[in-house]
Structures are given as C-alpha cells and as structure tokens.
Amino acid sequence: MPNVFQPDFRAAQTPEAPLSNPAITRADTQDYFTEVADDYRAWSPSYNMHFGFWRLGLNPLRREGMLVEMNRAVGRALELDEPDAANSNQEAARPRRCVIDLGCGAGATARTLVSEDPSLYAVTVTNVAVQNSIAARLDARAGVADRMAHIEADYTRTGLPAAQADGAWAVESACYASGTAKADFVREAARLLKPGARLAVVDGFLLRRQPGRIAGWLHRLWADSWAVPTLAVQEDFVAALRDNGFEDVKVQSLRWRVAPSALHIPALATRFALAELWKARGKLSPWRRKHIVASYCALVLGVFWRDFDYCMVTARRSG
C-alpha cells in the first residue's frame, strides 16, 4: 500500500478497481480505533464520534450541540412510544424498552438517549476494548451506568438473543462491515430486532458502483486511512434491507444537516495535527497520521454529489 501522504493515483484510473479493499481486516479496524481512541476527544469531549445534525436554533459554531442533536435525531427515527407524561414519576408504570447500538464507539448516542428517557435501557456493541472502558467512565459521570451495558463483540455476530430489541442503530459504523451491501450487518440487525421495531443507519454512502476517477481515489484514500473496507453502495444496502425482512425503507439525505459540523474539520484537524506533531517531535504513528488525512478526505468527499451522500436510512422489521 502506498504511503498515506503519497497515495498512488494510478489505482483510481483503472475502471475495474474494486471499491472494497480486502487488505483491510477487522484486526486493522481494532488497531486503528485502539490507537486513536484519545484523539477523538479533540472532536468531542463526550466522544460523539460522528458528524453533527444542524437545525434551526442551533449555533453552527458550537459543534457539541450539533453532535448531541444527531443522537436525538437517531432516537426520533426509532419511533419508540413516548412515556406517559401522567406517570412521569412512576417508573414502574413505564414500559421498559431496550435498544442496541451496533458499533457504538464510546456509547455517546446510547448515553444521550438513555439520559433523556428513564424508561430506556441500552446495549452497545464494539470490538474495541478501550472504547468500552471510556464508555463506562462516561456512563458513571452521566449517572446512567445502571441502564447501559457494553459488550465486546463483532456486531455481525453479537451473540445477543434474537428478537428482543425495541430499536437499533449504527451511526457511522455500518461502513465497517464487509461488502457494498453490508449484508452481514443487516442480517444481524434483523435477527436482533422485534417484529415492528426500527433500524436507523447514519453513514456515508456511495451513489454509484463505479465512482468518478477523483471521487474513487478519494474514497479509497479515506477508507484505507480509517480502516474501512468500503462505503456501502446505497442501492445495494437498501436491497439488503429488503432481502432480510425489512420494510418501510426510507432514505433521507443529511448532506446539508451535517455540513455545518463538517466545516469545523479544517481548522480543528490542522490545529490538532500541529499540536500532536509538536508533542511527538514530528513522529506520529501510521494510524494517527492516517486519522488526520481521513478527516480532510471526509470533507472533500462531500463535494462529489454524483458519487457520494451522507444519509439516514431507516427501516422497520417486518412481522
């Protein structure tokens, strides 16, 4: 593989160049997230490891508020029944719901939703041990440790019981599954959800199986730098949902919703890179260097509207 700072442009000039890089393994993903775990704190002190959701009334200069709003947007997409306001002080009267975060990072989305709904319990799944350690500390600080469970597992084979979840989501994590359809991820999500429960996936998607030359190169550089095999192709992903028993599939572009938080990247990434290079006397590990490069690539990819979009995909488990 070429050096991340000197990528091989020739790969993108070959029309048959595969979208997926088979050289990226789950071990690579674990190594990447283990090595850069503390770096994500520069983006969000609460470890919201995703883009933000801007809406009217939010200050686009305050990144953390937009990041938390993305968590709330995911919660709304699950369409869980609202607790009865008349019984707000009677927890025993509330139905307890369990939701699952597939590829949780440090559990920020689950922590937001559980903090705001006392009847909610969450299970988060990651194969990166250090993320669960960070999550446990943040749970205790937020006062929700008794309603959060963090398991270390592959989210395509969680080992959790079938048809028990009232909702599930993946925020910028489904892309780490294999293939352009992410069928192994979709299959496990379908197994875990109760009939009628909803899945919400927030992620970047390729709109064409053969992106343009520059977009294809950027996608490959971004994916290799963040240890992603490939982004899902939107059409393939939707087909996988339907093939695995999901219905009411909806795709909503969030391109403009995430743009204000994405515009924080250049200043933040540059400042972070310079500070870390200074502290490390110019020597950063390969994954930490790639993490910085991928941050810039993520912003530039958004310019290629014909090839790439950032979307929320929701679907309901049939039955």
C-alpha atoms as a PDB file:
ATOM      1  CA  MET A   1       0.000   0.000   0.000  1.00  0.00           C
ATOM      2  CA  PRO A   2       1.387   3.477  -0.854  1.00  0.00           C
ATOM      3  CA  ASN A   3       2.320   5.862   1.929  1.00  0.00           C
ATOM      4  CA  VAL A   4      -0.766   7.749   3.081  1.00  0.00           C
ATOM      5  CA  PHE A   5       0.892  11.066   2.263  1.00  0.00           C
ATOM      6  CA  GLN A   6       1.922   9.842  -1.201  1.00  0.00           C
ATOM      7  CA  PRO A   7      -1.098   7.889  -2.488  1.00  0.00           C
ATOM      8  CA  ASP A   8      -0.971   6.017  -5.755  1.00  0.00           C
ATOM      9  CA  PHE A   9      -3.193   7.902  -8.218  1.00  0.00           C
ATOM     10  CA  ARG A  10      -2.882   5.101 -10.755  1.00  0.00           C
ATOM     11  CA  ALA A  11      -5.277   2.882  -8.774  1.00  0.00           C
ATOM     12  CA  ALA A  12      -8.161   5.272  -9.390  1.00  0.00           C
ATOM     13  CA  GLN A  13      -7.528   5.370 -13.134  1.00  0.00           C
ATOM     14  CA  THR A  14      -8.404   1.706 -13.551  1.00  0.00           C
ATOM     15  CA  PRO A  15     -12.157   1.334 -14.226  1.00  0.00           C
ATOM     16  CA  GLU A  16     -12.160  -2.178 -12.779  1.00  0.00           C
ATOM     17  CA  ALA A  17     -10.536  -1.124  -9.496  1.00  0.00           C
ATOM     18  CA  PRO A  18     -12.648  -2.675  -6.714  1.00  0.00           C
ATOM     19  CA  LEU A  19     -14.461  -0.448  -4.249  1.00  0.00           C
ATOM     20  CA  SER A  20     -13.595  -2.737  -1.373  1.00  0.00           C
ATOM     21  CA  ASN A  21     -10.070  -3.245  -0.131  1.00  0.00           C
ATOM     22  CA  PRO A  22      -9.739  -6.872   1.049  1.00  0.00           C
ATOM     23  CA  ALA A  23      -6.475  -5.936   2.753  1.00  0.00           C
ATOM     24  CA  ILE A  24      -8.465  -4.046   5.427  1.00  0.00           C
ATOM     25  CA  THR A  25      -9.331  -6.580   8.121  1.00  0.00           C
ATOM     26  CA  ARG A  26     -11.284  -6.420  11.374  1.00  0.00           C
ATOM     27  CA  ALA A  27      -7.928  -6.545  13.155  1.00  0.00           C
ATOM     28  CA  ASP A  28      -6.920  -3.371  11.289  1.00  0.00           C
ATOM     29  CA  THR A  29     -10.125  -1.696  12.448  1.00  0.00           C
ATOM     30  CA  GLN A  30      -9.463  -2.721  16.047  1.00  0.00           C
ATOM     31  CA  ASP A  31      -5.872  -1.475  15.842  1.00  0.00           C
ATOM     32  CA  TYR A  32      -6.978   1.829  14.344  1.00  0.00           C
ATOM     33  CA  PHE A  33      -9.634   2.605  16.972  1.00  0.00           C
ATOM     34  CA  THR A  34      -7.405   1.443  19.816  1.00  0.00           C
ATOM     35  CA  GLU A  35      -4.548   3.659  18.681  1.00  0.00           C
ATOM     36  CA  VAL A  36      -6.596   6.816  18.032  1.00  0.00           C
ATOM     37  CA  ALA A  37      -9.088   6.417  20.900  1.00  0.00           C
ATOM     38  CA  ASP A  38      -7.907   9.508  22.769  1.00  0.00           C
ATOM     39  CA  ASP A  39      -7.672  11.562  19.566  1.00  0.00           C
ATOM     40  CA  TYR A  40     -11.467  11.601  19.212  1.00  0.00           C
ATOM     41  CA  ARG A  41     -11.680  13.685  22.384  1.00  0.00           C
ATOM     42  CA  ALA A  42     -10.438  16.658  20.335  1.00  0.00           C
ATOM     43  CA  TRP A  43     -13.599  16.385  18.214  1.00  0.00           C
ATOM     44  CA  SER A  44     -15.964  15.813  21.136  1.00  0.00           C
ATOM     45  CA  PRO A  45     -15.249  15.729  24.877  1.00  0.00           C
ATOM     46  CA  SER A  46     -18.253  13.383  25.180  1.00  0.00           C
ATOM     47  CA  TYR A  47     -16.853  11.100  22.473  1.00  0.00           C
ATOM     48  CA  ASN A  48     -19.553  11.731  19.881  1.00  0.00           C
ATOM     49  CA  MET A  49     -17.620  10.027  17.097  1.00  0.00           C
ATOM     50  CA  HIS A  50     -19.749  11.281  14.214  1.00  0.00           C
ATOM     51  CA  PHE A  51     -20.900  14.402  12.383  1.00  0.00           C
ATOM     52  CA  GLY A  52     -23.462  16.741  13.884  1.00  0.00           C
ATOM     53  CA  PHE A  53     -27.072  17.430  12.921  1.00  0.00           C
ATOM     54  CA  TRP A  54     -27.815  21.116  12.443  1.00  0.00           C
ATOM     55  CA  ARG A  55     -31.337  22.506  12.751  1.00  0.00           C
ATOM     56  CA  LEU A  56     -32.780  25.963  13.139  1.00  0.00           C
ATOM     57  CA  GLY A  57     -31.981  27.269  16.604  1.00  0.00           C
ATOM     58  CA  LEU A  58     -28.621  25.542  16.945  1.00  0.00           C
ATOM     59  CA  ASN A  59     -25.460  27.596  16.776  1.00  0.00           C
ATOM     60  CA  PRO A  60     -23.394  26.203  13.870  1.00  0.00           C
ATOM     61  CA  LEU A  61     -20.230  27.351  15.642  1.00  0.00           C
ATOM     62  CA  ARG A  62     -20.936  25.079  18.635  1.00  0.00           C
ATOM     63  CA  ARG A  63     -20.068  21.599  17.452  1.00  0.00           C
ATOM     64  CA  GLU A  64     -21.039  19.619  20.564  1.00  0.00           C
ATOM     65  CA  GLY A  65     -24.651  20.779  20.419  1.00  0.00           C
ATOM     66  CA  MET A  66     -24.956  19.567  16.833  1.00  0.00           C
ATOM     67  CA  LEU A  67     -23.316  16.238  17.705  1.00  0.00           C
ATOM     68  CA  VAL A  68     -25.817  15.631  20.504  1.00  0.00           C
ATOM     69  CA  GLU A  69     -28.661  16.608  18.169  1.00  0.00           C
ATOM     70  CA  MET A  70     -27.586  13.829  15.801  1.00  0.00           C
ATOM     71  CA  ASN A  71     -28.059  11.396  18.689  1.00  0.00           C
ATOM     72  CA  ARG A  72     -31.545  12.776  19.252  1.00  0.00           C
ATOM     73  CA  ALA A  73     -32.322  12.509  15.527  1.00  0.00           C
ATOM     74  CA  VAL A  74     -31.483   8.811  15.722  1.00  0.00           C
ATOM     75  CA  GLY A  75     -33.776   8.436  18.733  1.00  0.00           C
ATOM     76  CA  ARG A  76     -36.638  10.113  16.860  1.00  0.00           C
ATOM     77  CA  ALA A  77     -36.086   7.817  13.885  1.00  0.00           C
ATOM     78  CA  LEU A  78     -36.622   4.748  16.062  1.00  0.00           C
ATOM     79  CA  GLU A  79     -40.199   5.942  16.726  1.00  0.00           C
ATOM     80  CA  LEU A  80     -40.308   4.489  20.207  1.00  0.00           C
ATOM     81  CA  ASP A  81     -43.535   5.082  22.107  1.00  0.00           C
ATOM     82  CA  GLU A  82     -43.282   8.152  24.300  1.00  0.00           C
ATOM     83  CA  PRO A  83     -43.581   7.530  28.050  1.00  0.00           C
ATOM     84  CA  ASP A  84     -46.889   8.585  29.591  1.00  0.00           C
ATOM     85  CA  ALA A  85     -46.397  12.115  30.978  1.00  0.00           C
ATOM     86  CA  ALA A  86     -49.043  11.498  33.631  1.00  0.00           C
ATOM     87  CA  ASN A  87     -46.846   8.750  35.061  1.00  0.00           C
ATOM     88  CA  SER A  88     -43.561  10.652  34.805  1.00  0.00           C
ATOM     89  CA  ASN A  89     -42.782   9.998  38.480  1.00  0.00           C
ATOM     90  CA  GLN A  90     -43.845   6.376  38.416  1.00  0.00           C
ATOM     91  CA  GLU A  91     -41.084   4.459  36.673  1.00  0.00           C
ATOM     92  CA  ALA A  92     -42.802   1.157  37.393  1.00  0.00           C
ATOM     93  CA  ALA A  93     -45.689   2.266  35.174  1.00  0.00           C
ATOM     94  CA  ARG A  94     -43.424   2.888  32.200  1.00  0.00           C
ATOM     95  CA  PRO A  95     -42.735   0.126  29.710  1.00  0.00           C
ATOM     96  CA  ARG A  96     -39.036  -0.648  29.684  1.00  0.00           C
ATOM     97  CA  ARG A  97     -37.505  -0.611  26.229  1.00  0.00           C
ATOM     98  CA  CYS A  98     -34.119  -1.997  25.245  1.00  0.00           C
ATOM     99  CA  VAL A  99     -32.192  -0.568  22.292  1.00  0.00           C
ATOM    100  CA  ILE A 100     -28.923  -1.658  20.695  1.00  0.00           C
ATOM    101  CA  ASP A 101     -26.070   0.445  19.318  1.00  0.00           C
ATOM    102  CA  LEU A 102     -24.225  -1.596  16.695  1.00  0.00           C
ATOM    103  CA  GLY A 103     -20.699  -0.254  16.510  1.00  0.00           C
ATOM    104  CA  CYS A 104     -21.070   2.192  19.338  1.00  0.00           C
ATOM    105  CA  GLY A 105     -17.670   3.793  19.701  1.00  0.00           C
ATOM    106  CA  ALA A 106     -17.759   5.015  23.298  1.00  0.00           C
ATOM    107  CA  GLY A 107     -21.560   4.800  23.524  1.00  0.00           C
ATOM    108  CA  ALA A 108     -22.357   8.509  23.117  1.00  0.00           C
ATOM    109  CA  THR A 109     -25.606   8.054  21.187  1.00  0.00           C
ATOM    110  CA  ALA A 110     -26.936   5.499  23.667  1.00  0.00           C
ATOM    111  CA  ARG A 111     -25.868   7.693  26.574  1.00  0.00           C
ATOM    112  CA  THR A 112     -27.793  10.672  25.192  1.00  0.00           C
ATOM    113  CA  LEU A 113     -30.974   8.675  24.643  1.00  0.00           C
ATOM    114  CA  VAL A 114     -30.848   6.867  27.982  1.00  0.00           C
ATOM    115  CA  SER A 115     -30.117  10.124  29.827  1.00  0.00           C
ATOM    116  CA  GLU A 116     -33.239  11.719  28.358  1.00  0.00           C
ATOM    117  CA  ASP A 117     -35.619   8.755  28.790  1.00  0.00           C
ATOM    118  CA  PRO A 118     -35.587   6.952  32.172  1.00  0.00           C
ATOM    119  CA  SER A 119     -37.521   4.010  30.716  1.00  0.00           C
ATOM    120  CA  LEU A 120     -34.786   3.243  28.179  1.00  0.00           C
ATOM    121  CA  TYR A 121     -32.037   0.656  28.536  1.00  0.00           C
ATOM    122  CA  ALA A 122     -29.202   0.292  26.039  1.00  0.00           C
ATOM    123  CA  VAL A 123     -26.765  -2.392  24.972  1.00  0.00           C
ATOM    124  CA  THR A 124     -23.785  -1.230  22.944  1.00  0.00           C
ATOM    125  CA  VAL A 125     -21.555  -3.432  20.811  1.00  0.00           C
ATOM    126  CA  THR A 126     -17.961  -2.764  19.806  1.00  0.00           C
ATOM    127  CA  ASN A 127     -14.953  -4.997  19.247  1.00  0.00           C
ATOM    128  CA  VAL A 128     -12.585  -2.346  20.639  1.00  0.00           C
ATOM    129  CA  ALA A 129     -11.982  -2.898  24.361  1.00  0.00           C
ATOM    130  CA  VAL A 130     -10.649   0.588  25.080  1.00  0.00           C
ATOM    131  CA  GLN A 131     -13.890   2.144  23.812  1.00  0.00           C
ATOM    132  CA  ASN A 132     -15.883   0.222  26.407  1.00  0.00           C
ATOM    133  CA  SER A 133     -13.522   1.443  29.129  1.00  0.00           C
ATOM    134  CA  ILE A 134     -14.069   5.042  28.051  1.00  0.00           C
ATOM    135  CA  ALA A 135     -17.832   4.449  27.835  1.00  0.00           C
ATOM    136  CA  ALA A 136     -18.008   3.078  31.371  1.00  0.00           C
ATOM    137  CA  ARG A 137     -16.324   6.189  32.771  1.00  0.00           C
ATOM    138  CA  LEU A 138     -18.651   8.498  30.858  1.00  0.00           C
ATOM    139  CA  ASP A 139     -21.729   6.474  31.893  1.00  0.00           C
ATOM    140  CA  ALA A 140     -20.832   6.890  35.546  1.00  0.00           C
ATOM    141  CA  ARG A 141     -20.314  10.608  35.089  1.00  0.00           C
ATOM    142  CA  ALA A 142     -23.736  10.899  33.387  1.00  0.00           C
ATOM    143  CA  GLY A 143     -25.454   8.814  36.077  1.00  0.00           C
ATOM    144  CA  VAL A 144     -26.738   6.139  33.663  1.00  0.00           C
ATOM    145  CA  ALA A 145     -24.350   3.257  34.335  1.00  0.00           C
ATOM    146  CA  ASP A 146     -27.203   1.102  35.699  1.00  0.00           C
ATOM    147  CA  ARG A 147     -29.043   1.266  32.355  1.00  0.00           C
ATOM    148  CA  MET A 148     -26.111   0.787  29.993  1.00  0.00           C
ATOM    149  CA  ALA A 149     -24.406  -2.495  29.099  1.00  0.00           C
ATOM    150  CA  HIS A 150     -21.299  -2.516  26.893  1.00  0.00           C
ATOM    151  CA  ILE A 151     -20.272  -5.782  25.267  1.00  0.00           C
ATOM    152  CA  GLU A 152     -17.120  -6.513  23.319  1.00  0.00           C
ATOM    153  CA  ALA A 153     -18.160  -8.407  20.214  1.00  0.00           C
ATOM    154  CA  ASP A 154     -18.333  -8.370  16.437  1.00  0.00           C
ATOM    155  CA  TYR A 155     -21.578  -6.553  15.587  1.00  0.00           C
ATOM    156  CA  THR A 156     -22.288  -9.021  12.798  1.00  0.00           C
ATOM    157  CA  ARG A 157     -22.216 -11.888  15.356  1.00  0.00           C
ATOM    158  CA  THR A 158     -23.167 -10.358  18.669  1.00  0.00           C
ATOM    159  CA  GLY A 159     -24.338 -13.473  20.493  1.00  0.00           C
ATOM    160  CA  LEU A 160     -27.285 -11.481  21.871  1.00  0.00           C
ATOM    161  CA  PRO A 161     -30.746 -13.131  21.966  1.00  0.00           C
ATOM    162  CA  ALA A 162     -32.926 -12.815  18.893  1.00  0.00           C
ATOM    163  CA  ALA A 163     -35.994 -10.572  18.531  1.00  0.00           C
ATOM    164  CA  GLN A 164     -35.548  -8.746  21.844  1.00  0.00           C
ATOM    165  CA  ALA A 165     -34.555  -5.201  20.797  1.00  0.00           C
ATOM    166  CA  ASP A 166     -37.093  -2.382  20.568  1.00  0.00           C
ATOM    167  CA  GLY A 167     -34.790  -0.458  18.248  1.00  0.00           C
ATOM    168  CA  ALA A 168     -31.254  -0.472  16.881  1.00  0.00           C
ATOM    169  CA  TRP A 169     -28.927   1.925  15.129  1.00  0.00           C
ATOM    170  CA  ALA A 170     -25.492   2.324  13.619  1.00  0.00           C
ATOM    171  CA  VAL A 171     -24.005   5.810  13.408  1.00  0.00           C
ATOM    172  CA  GLU A 172     -21.009   5.864  11.067  1.00  0.00           C
ATOM    173  CA  SER A 173     -20.268   2.240  11.902  1.00  0.00           C
ATOM    174  CA  ALA A 174     -22.155   0.127   9.343  1.00  0.00           C
ATOM    175  CA  CYS A 175     -19.445   1.074   6.840  1.00  0.00           C
ATOM    176  CA  TYR A 176     -17.022  -1.201   8.717  1.00  0.00           C
ATOM    177  CA  ALA A 177     -18.974  -4.303   7.677  1.00  0.00           C
ATOM    178  CA  SER A 178     -17.843  -6.117   4.554  1.00  0.00           C
ATOM    179  CA  GLY A 179     -19.087  -5.566   1.007  1.00  0.00           C
ATOM    180  CA  THR A 180     -21.076  -2.810  -0.640  1.00  0.00           C
ATOM    181  CA  ALA A 181     -24.403  -4.149   0.710  1.00  0.00           C
ATOM    182  CA  LYS A 182     -23.202  -4.668   4.318  1.00  0.00           C
ATOM    183  CA  ALA A 183     -25.360  -7.794   4.274  1.00  0.00           C
ATOM    184  CA  ASP A 184     -23.748  -9.385   7.348  1.00  0.00           C
ATOM    185  CA  PHE A 185     -24.524  -6.268   9.392  1.00  0.00           C
ATOM    186  CA  VAL A 186     -28.109  -6.084   8.084  1.00  0.00           C
ATOM    187  CA  ARG A 187     -28.707  -9.775   8.756  1.00  0.00           C
ATOM    188  CA  GLU A 188     -27.669  -9.457  12.411  1.00  0.00           C
ATOM    189  CA  ALA A 189     -29.730  -6.301  12.906  1.00  0.00           C
ATOM    190  CA  ALA A 190     -32.776  -8.140  11.533  1.00  0.00           C
ATOM    191  CA  ARG A 191     -32.154 -11.034  13.899  1.00  0.00           C
ATOM    192  CA  LEU A 192     -31.913  -8.794  16.968  1.00  0.00           C
ATOM    193  CA  LEU A 193     -34.979  -6.615  16.393  1.00  0.00           C
ATOM    194  CA  LYS A 194     -38.508  -7.417  17.488  1.00  0.00           C
ATOM    195  CA  PRO A 195     -41.112  -7.528  14.720  1.00  0.00           C
ATOM    196  CA  GLY A 196     -42.173  -3.952  14.064  1.00  0.00           C
ATOM    197  CA  ALA A 197     -39.045  -2.437  15.620  1.00  0.00           C
ATOM    198  CA  ARG A 198     -36.977   0.030  13.629  1.00  0.00           C
ATOM    199  CA  LEU A 199     -33.376   0.278  12.493  1.00  0.00           C
ATOM    200  CA  ALA A 200     -31.659   3.620  11.825  1.00  0.00           C
ATOM    201  CA  VAL A 201     -28.345   3.823   9.967  1.00  0.00           C
ATOM    202  CA  VAL A 202     -26.491   7.111   9.619  1.00  0.00           C
ATOM    203  CA  ASP A 203     -23.470   6.941   7.341  1.00  0.00           C
ATOM    204  CA  GLY A 204     -21.825   7.967   4.119  1.00  0.00           C
ATOM    205  CA  PHE A 205     -22.999   6.111   1.012  1.00  0.00           C
ATOM    206  CA  LEU A 206     -21.685   5.730  -2.500  1.00  0.00           C
ATOM    207  CA  LEU A 207     -24.343   6.532  -5.080  1.00  0.00           C
ATOM    208  CA  ARG A 208     -22.626   4.651  -7.920  1.00  0.00           C
ATOM    209  CA  ARG A 209     -20.805   1.341  -8.055  1.00  0.00           C
ATOM    210  CA  GLN A 210     -18.175   2.969 -10.240  1.00  0.00           C
ATOM    211  CA  PRO A 211     -17.473   6.455  -8.872  1.00  0.00           C
ATOM    212  CA  GLY A 212     -15.679   9.036 -10.965  1.00  0.00           C
ATOM    213  CA  ARG A 213     -11.895   8.865 -11.094  1.00  0.00           C
ATOM    214  CA  ILE A 214     -11.147  11.517  -8.470  1.00  0.00           C
ATOM    215  CA  ALA A 215     -14.068  10.545  -6.229  1.00  0.00           C
ATOM    216  CA  GLY A 216     -12.997   6.904  -6.441  1.00  0.00           C
ATOM    217  CA  TRP A 217      -9.456   7.756  -5.423  1.00  0.00           C
ATOM    218  CA  LEU A 218     -10.659   9.946  -2.545  1.00  0.00           C
ATOM    219  CA  HIS A 219     -12.985   7.205  -1.346  1.00  0.00           C
ATOM    220  CA  ARG A 220     -10.165   4.667  -1.392  1.00  0.00           C
ATOM    221  CA  LEU A 221      -7.750   7.003   0.412  1.00  0.00           C
ATOM    222  CA  TRP A 222     -10.386   7.881   3.027  1.00  0.00           C
ATOM    223  CA  ALA A 223     -11.410   4.254   3.539  1.00  0.00           C
ATOM    224  CA  ASP A 224      -7.851   2.951   3.846  1.00  0.00           C
ATOM    225  CA  SER A 225      -6.974   5.746   6.265  1.00  0.00           C
ATOM    226  CA  TRP A 226      -9.918   4.982   8.580  1.00  0.00           C
ATOM    227  CA  ALA A 227      -9.601   1.183   8.196  1.00  0.00           C
ATOM    228  CA  VAL A 228     -12.929   0.915   6.337  1.00  0.00           C
ATOM    229  CA  PRO A 229     -13.254  -1.868   3.708  1.00  0.00           C
ATOM    230  CA  THR A 230     -15.619   0.301   1.625  1.00  0.00           C
ATOM    231  CA  LEU A 231     -18.628   2.538   1.996  1.00  0.00           C
ATOM    232  CA  ALA A 232     -21.937   0.889   1.207  1.00  0.00           C
ATOM    233  CA  VAL A 233     -23.441   1.481  -2.209  1.00  0.00           C
ATOM    234  CA  GLN A 234     -26.842   2.949  -1.363  1.00  0.00           C
ATOM    235  CA  GLU A 235     -28.781   0.778  -3.808  1.00  0.00           C
ATOM    236  CA  ASP A 236     -27.088  -2.406  -2.580  1.00  0.00           C
ATOM    237  CA  PHE A 237     -27.698  -1.521   1.065  1.00  0.00           C
ATOM    238  CA  VAL A 238     -31.412  -0.863   0.518  1.00  0.00           C
ATOM    239  CA  ALA A 239     -31.696  -4.170  -1.360  1.00  0.00           C
ATOM    240  CA  ALA A 240     -30.015  -5.991   1.550  1.00  0.00           C
ATOM    241  CA  LEU A 241     -32.533  -4.492   3.977  1.00  0.00           C
ATOM    242  CA  ARG A 242     -35.452  -5.744   1.914  1.00  0.00           C
ATOM    243  CA  ASP A 243     -33.845  -9.158   1.402  1.00  0.00           C
ATOM    244  CA  ASN A 244     -33.518  -9.551   5.174  1.00  0.00           C
ATOM    245  CA  GLY A 245     -37.116  -8.815   6.112  1.00  0.00           C
ATOM    246  CA  PHE A 246     -37.158  -5.040   6.464  1.00  0.00           C
ATOM    247  CA  GLU A 247     -39.923  -2.880   5.048  1.00  0.00           C
ATOM    248  CA  ASP A 248     -40.885   0.782   5.015  1.00  0.00           C
ATOM    249  CA  VAL A 249     -37.311   1.598   3.947  1.00  0.00           C
ATOM    250  CA  LYS A 250     -36.646   5.329   3.759  1.00  0.00           C
ATOM    251  CA  VAL A 251     -33.506   7.171   2.688  1.00  0.00           C
ATOM    252  CA  GLN A 252     -33.062  10.768   3.818  1.00  0.00           C
ATOM    253  CA  SER A 253     -30.113  12.851   2.696  1.00  0.00           C
ATOM    254  CA  LEU A 254     -28.477  14.705   5.583  1.00  0.00           C
ATOM    255  CA  ARG A 255     -25.926  16.451   3.392  1.00  0.00           C
ATOM    256  CA  TRP A 256     -26.949  19.952   4.441  1.00  0.00           C
ATOM    257  CA  ARG A 257     -27.669  18.935   8.032  1.00  0.00           C
ATOM    258  CA  VAL A 258     -24.102  17.766   8.601  1.00  0.00           C
ATOM    259  CA  ALA A 259     -22.375  20.470   6.557  1.00  0.00           C
ATOM    260  CA  PRO A 260     -22.017  22.977   9.450  1.00  0.00           C
ATOM    261  CA  SER A 261     -20.215  20.420  11.637  1.00  0.00           C
ATOM    262  CA  ALA A 262     -18.113  19.178   8.703  1.00  0.00           C
ATOM    263  CA  LEU A 263     -16.858  22.722   8.171  1.00  0.00           C
ATOM    264  CA  HIS A 264     -15.224  22.505  11.607  1.00  0.00           C
ATOM    265  CA  ILE A 265     -12.772  19.939  10.219  1.00  0.00           C
ATOM    266  CA  PRO A 266     -10.110  22.100   8.509  1.00  0.00           C
ATOM    267  CA  ALA A 267      -9.320  24.323  11.489  1.00  0.00           C
ATOM    268  CA  LEU A 268      -9.673  21.552  14.056  1.00  0.00           C
ATOM    269  CA  ALA A 269      -7.665  18.953  12.116  1.00  0.00           C
ATOM    270  CA  THR A 270      -4.893  21.411  11.305  1.00  0.00           C
ATOM    271  CA  ARG A 271      -4.630  22.637  14.875  1.00  0.00           C
ATOM    272  CA  PHE A 272      -4.731  19.084  16.200  1.00  0.00           C
ATOM    273  CA  ALA A 273      -2.110  17.842  13.742  1.00  0.00           C
ATOM    274  CA  LEU A 274       0.313  20.640  14.538  1.00  0.00           C
ATOM    275  CA  ALA A 275      -0.138  20.223  18.292  1.00  0.00           C
ATOM    276  CA  GLU A 276       0.323  16.455  18.188  1.00  0.00           C
ATOM    277  CA  LEU A 277       3.325  16.677  15.871  1.00  0.00           C
ATOM    278  CA  TRP A 278       4.905  19.162  18.248  1.00  0.00           C
ATOM    279  CA  LYS A 279       4.271  16.938  21.279  1.00  0.00           C
ATOM    280  CA  ALA A 280       5.562  13.852  19.433  1.00  0.00           C
ATOM    281  CA  ARG A 281       8.550  15.760  17.979  1.00  0.00           C
ATOM    282  CA  GLY A 282       7.323  15.174  14.451  1.00  0.00           C
ATOM    283  CA  LYS A 283       6.720  11.443  14.828  1.00  0.00           C
ATOM    284  CA  LEU A 284       3.151  10.174  14.787  1.00  0.00           C
ATOM    285  CA  SER A 285       2.259   6.514  14.408  1.00  0.00           C
ATOM    286  CA  PRO A 286       0.896   5.442  10.991  1.00  0.00           C
ATOM    287  CA  TRP A 287      -2.721   5.128  12.157  1.00  0.00           C
ATOM    288  CA  ARG A 288      -2.659   8.542  13.823  1.00  0.00           C
ATOM    289  CA  ARG A 289      -1.301  10.122  10.629  1.00  0.00           C
ATOM    290  CA  LYS A 290      -3.967   8.371   8.588  1.00  0.00           C
ATOM    291  CA  HIS A 291      -6.664   9.525  11.005  1.00  0.00           C
ATOM    292  CA  ILE A 292      -5.750  13.143  10.247  1.00  0.00           C
ATOM    293  CA  VAL A 293      -5.658  12.547   6.487  1.00  0.00           C
ATOM    294  CA  ALA A 294      -9.060  10.832   6.549  1.00  0.00           C
ATOM    295  CA  SER A 295     -10.566  13.813   8.352  1.00  0.00           C
ATOM    296  CA  TYR A 296      -9.708  16.080   5.431  1.00  0.00           C
ATOM    297  CA  CYS A 297     -10.856  13.458   2.894  1.00  0.00           C
ATOM    298  CA  ALA A 298     -14.255  13.188   4.585  1.00  0.00           C
ATOM    299  CA  LEU A 299     -14.871  16.882   3.987  1.00  0.00           C
ATOM    300  CA  VAL A 300     -13.741  16.812   0.359  1.00  0.00           C
ATOM    301  CA  LEU A 301     -15.822  13.721  -0.461  1.00  0.00           C
ATOM    302  CA  GLY A 302     -18.934  15.737   0.291  1.00  0.00           C
ATOM    303  CA  VAL A 303     -18.265  17.883  -2.777  1.00  0.00           C
ATOM    304  CA  PHE A 304     -18.835  14.924  -5.133  1.00  0.00           C
ATOM    305  CA  TRP A 305     -22.632  14.947  -5.166  1.00  0.00           C
ATOM    306  CA  ARG A 306     -22.985  12.457  -8.019  1.00  0.00           C
ATOM    307  CA  ASP A 307     -20.900   9.854  -6.221  1.00  0.00           C
ATOM    308  CA  PHE A 308     -21.419  10.331  -2.515  1.00  0.00           C
ATOM    309  CA  ASP A 309     -24.075  11.307   0.018  1.00  0.00           C
ATOM    310  CA  TYR A 310     -24.432  11.295   3.781  1.00  0.00           C
ATOM    311  CA  CYS A 311     -27.773   9.771   4.695  1.00  0.00           C
ATOM    312  CA  MET A 312     -30.046   8.391   7.349  1.00  0.00           C
ATOM    313  CA  VAL A 313     -31.601   5.105   6.246  1.00  0.00           C
ATOM    314  CA  THR A 314     -34.493   3.805   8.333  1.00  0.00           C
ATOM    315  CA  ALA A 315     -36.425   0.583   8.057  1.00  0.00           C
ATOM    316  CA  ARG A 316     -38.952  -1.448  10.047  1.00  0.00           C
ATOM    317  CA  ARG A 317     -38.563  -5.133  10.831  1.00  0.00           C
ATOM    318  CA  SER A 318     -41.482  -6.947   9.272  1.00  0.00           C
ATOM    319  CA  GLY A 319     -43.654  -9.420  11.121  1.00  0.00           C
END
